[in-house]
């Protein structure tokens, strides 16, 4: 595991995994995803660990997948000579798909807490929502801008965590929501002021760590099984397949071509401008930054 991309620490029964690309909003590349997998394996195999916290370094939890530089860092994603059959194989094969690493938060039987602040968007939101508990700063911004172009729900957690009305609305619009609103609609568990977030998450992790591990495992397993029975696995098979198709529609390819020609900001401006959210939102609507706390 690269200490540069993913940090891992443990203390008093609690493992903390930190996505560590703060200058890139902790966006996801395969080395980050593989580092996360290594850390989750370590935590789940360590008999002393009862609880896992996942966080992001710097001012954001995770800005989603890194699609800068023409996607050269994703060897299996191509905008030319697209082979849909091989794409389906890659995204649904348990040995190649990153869904397994995301779902390590869910499948590993030790409780996981996603501590969300700043931006938690796209693949970053998919990752956070795989955790058992999600606690955010009230000013965090959570959303799926890929709903507008170049993507589709991957893990299905946006669907399975929400009721039909909200799940359909956010799937169709991709609009962002604050941590406070996410807690109100029960997409996540709780939202607190940014200044309190670290302490609140730590307090919860410490409470859970007082419970016998076998109890934590059993209670997590029974809840997980209920959602598996609702078809979670089927959703996670279809989602990545549709995501691959959306990356290769005329509009999807145009989005990447714009990013290559005008930079990522140029592509995002065209995508989000009509909605006036994400980077196109008003300054007063942007998430607060940890680096600016006194």
Foldseek 3Di string as FASTA:
>chain_A
DDCQQWNWDDDQQEIEIEGHPQVQLSADAVVNLVVLLVRLVVQLVDPSHQEYEYAYPFFWGYPYHDCAPPNPRDPQDDQPPDDLVVLLCQCQPPVRHSLVSLLSLQPRLRAYEYEGFFEQEANSLLSRLSGPAYEYAQLHKYWYLCLQAQFFRAQCLLPVQADPVRSVVRSNPRDIDGSNVCCVRRSGPYHHHPVCRVVVVVVVSVVSSVDDSVVSSVVSVVVSVVVVVVPSSVCNSVRSSVSSVRCHDPRNSVLSVCCVVVNNVRSVCVSCVVVCDDVSPDPVSGTDTPVPDD
